[in-house]
């Protein structure tokens, strides 16, 4: 059996893990899996709700702004514990879909 990769979502200000993503599948460039929030995740939930709202409304400027707000306060760490330079993460309940890059994504 293959070991499941575990990525961490980390509060940039506190350095604490606010959630974990257990990767279950990949379809390049996207990885998907189960999101397990930690107690410290509560204050950040609304940022992901705003991102989903902007995506559903096809408001790309609002989507970019919501993404940048998330990135400003939360870092995504690979299984080797290194933070990635840029990422895009969407949460839907306990499901997570994300992509990451070795360099910042270009603006939309």
C-alpha atoms as a PDB file:
ATOM      1  CA  UNK A   1       0.000   0.000   0.000  1.00  0.00           C
ATOM      2  CA  UNK A   2       1.294   3.449  -0.922  1.00  0.00           C
ATOM      3  CA  UNK A   3       1.739   5.974   1.869  1.00  0.00           C
ATOM      4  CA  UNK A   4      -0.622   8.954   1.647  1.00  0.00           C
ATOM      5  CA  UNK A   5       1.124  12.316   1.244  1.00  0.00           C
ATOM      6  CA  UNK A   6       0.245  14.809   3.937  1.00  0.00           C
ATOM      7  CA  UNK A   7       0.483  18.542   3.181  1.00  0.00           C
ATOM      8  CA  UNK A   8       0.043  21.192   5.869  1.00  0.00           C
ATOM      9  CA  UNK A   9      -1.698  24.557   5.810  1.00  0.00           C
ATOM     10  CA  UNK A  10       0.196  26.882   8.161  1.00  0.00           C
ATOM     11  CA  UNK A  11      -0.690  30.261   9.682  1.00  0.00           C
ATOM     12  CA  UNK A  12       2.092  32.563   8.454  1.00  0.00           C
ATOM     13  CA  UNK A  13       1.900  34.807  11.551  1.00  0.00           C
ATOM     14  CA  UNK A  14       1.816  32.084  14.215  1.00  0.00           C
ATOM     15  CA  UNK A  15       3.615  29.251  12.439  1.00  0.00           C
ATOM     16  CA  UNK A  16       0.923  26.834  13.586  1.00  0.00           C
ATOM     17  CA  UNK A  17      -0.679  24.170  11.435  1.00  0.00           C
ATOM     18  CA  UNK A  18      -4.336  25.055  10.858  1.00  0.00           C
ATOM     19  CA  UNK A  19      -5.154  22.076   8.653  1.00  0.00           C
ATOM     20  CA  UNK A  20      -3.826  19.000   6.910  1.00  0.00           C
ATOM     21  CA  UNK A  21      -4.485  17.700   3.425  1.00  0.00           C
ATOM     22  CA  UNK A  22      -4.152  13.968   2.929  1.00  0.00           C
ATOM     23  CA  UNK A  23      -3.587  13.612  -0.829  1.00  0.00           C
ATOM     24  CA  UNK A  24      -5.581  10.774  -2.338  1.00  0.00           C
ATOM     25  CA  UNK A  25      -5.358  11.485  -6.070  1.00  0.00           C
ATOM     26  CA  UNK A  26      -3.622  13.651  -8.646  1.00  0.00           C
ATOM     27  CA  UNK A  27      -4.484  14.846 -12.118  1.00  0.00           C
ATOM     28  CA  UNK A  28      -1.568  17.095 -13.079  1.00  0.00           C
ATOM     29  CA  UNK A  29      -1.345  19.874 -12.065  1.00  0.00           C
ATOM     30  CA  UNK A  30      -4.083  19.304  -9.453  1.00  0.00           C
ATOM     31  CA  UNK A  31      -3.855  17.187  -6.305  1.00  0.00           C
ATOM     32  CA  UNK A  32      -6.975  16.223  -4.387  1.00  0.00           C
ATOM     33  CA  UNK A  33      -7.599  14.769  -0.989  1.00  0.00           C
ATOM     34  CA  UNK A  34      -9.231  14.976   2.388  1.00  0.00           C
ATOM     35  CA  UNK A  35      -8.911  18.203   4.382  1.00  0.00           C
ATOM     36  CA  UNK A  36      -8.726  17.934   8.157  1.00  0.00           C
ATOM     37  CA  UNK A  37      -9.055  21.327   9.827  1.00  0.00           C
ATOM     38  CA  UNK A  38      -7.416  21.920  13.158  1.00  0.00           C
ATOM     39  CA  UNK A  39      -9.068  24.124  15.821  1.00  0.00           C
ATOM     40  CA  UNK A  40      -7.052  27.160  14.648  1.00  0.00           C
ATOM     41  CA  UNK A  41      -8.638  26.960  11.175  1.00  0.00           C
ATOM     42  CA  UNK A  42     -11.934  28.622  12.187  1.00  0.00           C
ATOM     43  CA  UNK A  43     -10.915  32.248  11.517  1.00  0.00           C
ATOM     44  CA  UNK A  44      -9.719  31.326   8.002  1.00  0.00           C
ATOM     45  CA  UNK A  45     -12.847  29.467   6.816  1.00  0.00           C
ATOM     46  CA  UNK A  46     -14.483  32.652   5.499  1.00  0.00           C
ATOM     47  CA  UNK A  47     -11.507  33.277   3.178  1.00  0.00           C
ATOM     48  CA  UNK A  48     -12.126  29.949   1.440  1.00  0.00           C
ATOM     49  CA  UNK A  49     -15.871  30.590   1.311  1.00  0.00           C
ATOM     50  CA  UNK A  50     -15.161  33.907  -0.454  1.00  0.00           C
ATOM     51  CA  UNK A  51     -12.860  32.155  -2.930  1.00  0.00           C
ATOM     52  CA  UNK A  52     -15.560  29.603  -3.780  1.00  0.00           C
ATOM     53  CA  UNK A  53     -18.192  32.339  -4.122  1.00  0.00           C
ATOM     54  CA  UNK A  54     -16.008  34.285  -6.579  1.00  0.00           C
ATOM     55  CA  UNK A  55     -15.287  31.117  -8.575  1.00  0.00           C
ATOM     56  CA  UNK A  56     -18.974  30.217  -8.839  1.00  0.00           C
ATOM     57  CA  UNK A  57     -19.791  33.793  -9.896  1.00  0.00           C
ATOM     58  CA  UNK A  58     -16.968  33.689 -12.468  1.00  0.00           C
ATOM     59  CA  UNK A  59     -15.686  36.924 -10.939  1.00  0.00           C
ATOM     60  CA  UNK A  60     -12.038  36.475 -11.876  1.00  0.00           C
ATOM     61  CA  UNK A  61     -10.826  39.760 -10.381  1.00  0.00           C
ATOM     62  CA  UNK A  62     -12.567  38.876  -7.109  1.00  0.00           C
ATOM     63  CA  UNK A  63     -11.186  35.349  -7.327  1.00  0.00           C
ATOM     64  CA  UNK A  64      -7.630  36.665  -7.707  1.00  0.00           C
ATOM     65  CA  UNK A  65      -8.138  39.001  -4.734  1.00  0.00           C
ATOM     66  CA  UNK A  66      -9.558  36.152  -2.601  1.00  0.00           C
ATOM     67  CA  UNK A  67      -6.610  33.928  -3.561  1.00  0.00           C
ATOM     68  CA  UNK A  68      -4.092  36.639  -2.616  1.00  0.00           C
ATOM     69  CA  UNK A  69      -5.840  37.171   0.751  1.00  0.00           C
ATOM     70  CA  UNK A  70      -5.462  33.471   1.529  1.00  0.00           C
ATOM     71  CA  UNK A  71      -1.834  33.401   0.401  1.00  0.00           C
ATOM     72  CA  UNK A  72      -1.042  36.455   2.551  1.00  0.00           C
ATOM     73  CA  UNK A  73      -2.014  34.676   5.774  1.00  0.00           C
ATOM     74  CA  UNK A  74      -1.569  30.949   5.066  1.00  0.00           C
ATOM     75  CA  UNK A  75       1.361  28.981   3.678  1.00  0.00           C
ATOM     76  CA  UNK A  76       1.138  25.530   2.123  1.00  0.00           C
ATOM     77  CA  UNK A  77       3.878  23.116   3.191  1.00  0.00           C
ATOM     78  CA  UNK A  78       4.889  20.027   1.228  1.00  0.00           C
ATOM     79  CA  UNK A  79       5.304  16.670   2.961  1.00  0.00           C
ATOM     80  CA  UNK A  80       9.018  17.516   3.426  1.00  0.00           C
ATOM     81  CA  UNK A  81       7.825  20.526   5.486  1.00  0.00           C
ATOM     82  CA  UNK A  82       9.096  23.154   3.022  1.00  0.00           C
ATOM     83  CA  UNK A  83       6.683  25.937   2.129  1.00  0.00           C
ATOM     84  CA  UNK A  84       5.816  26.271  -1.552  1.00  0.00           C
ATOM     85  CA  UNK A  85       6.256  29.708  -3.193  1.00  0.00           C
ATOM     86  CA  UNK A  86       2.685  29.790  -4.534  1.00  0.00           C
ATOM     87  CA  UNK A  87      -0.408  27.633  -4.456  1.00  0.00           C
ATOM     88  CA  UNK A  88      -4.104  27.662  -5.186  1.00  0.00           C
ATOM     89  CA  UNK A  89      -6.306  25.723  -2.770  1.00  0.00           C
ATOM     90  CA  UNK A  90     -10.046  25.200  -2.924  1.00  0.00           C
ATOM     91  CA  UNK A  91     -11.942  23.602  -0.053  1.00  0.00           C
ATOM     92  CA  UNK A  92     -15.388  22.056  -0.338  1.00  0.00           C
ATOM     93  CA  UNK A  93     -16.332  20.610   3.031  1.00  0.00           C
ATOM     94  CA  UNK A  94     -13.653  18.055   3.823  1.00  0.00           C
ATOM     95  CA  UNK A  95     -12.482  17.846   0.208  1.00  0.00           C
ATOM     96  CA  UNK A  96      -9.443  19.778  -0.964  1.00  0.00           C
ATOM     97  CA  UNK A  97      -8.145  20.453  -4.461  1.00  0.00           C
ATOM     98  CA  UNK A  98      -4.899  22.317  -4.941  1.00  0.00           C
ATOM     99  CA  UNK A  99      -2.003  23.035  -7.232  1.00  0.00           C
ATOM    100  CA  UNK A 100       1.343  24.509  -6.350  1.00  0.00           C
ATOM    101  CA  UNK A 101       4.322  26.047  -8.084  1.00  0.00           C
ATOM    102  CA  UNK A 102       8.034  26.577  -7.512  1.00  0.00           C
ATOM    103  CA  UNK A 103       7.543  30.246  -8.454  1.00  0.00           C
ATOM    104  CA  UNK A 104       4.627  32.657  -7.984  1.00  0.00           C
ATOM    105  CA  UNK A 105       1.744  32.218 -10.422  1.00  0.00           C
ATOM    106  CA  UNK A 106       1.272  35.052 -12.919  1.00  0.00           C
ATOM    107  CA  UNK A 107      -1.635  37.397 -12.151  1.00  0.00           C
ATOM    108  CA  UNK A 108      -4.905  36.530 -13.868  1.00  0.00           C
END
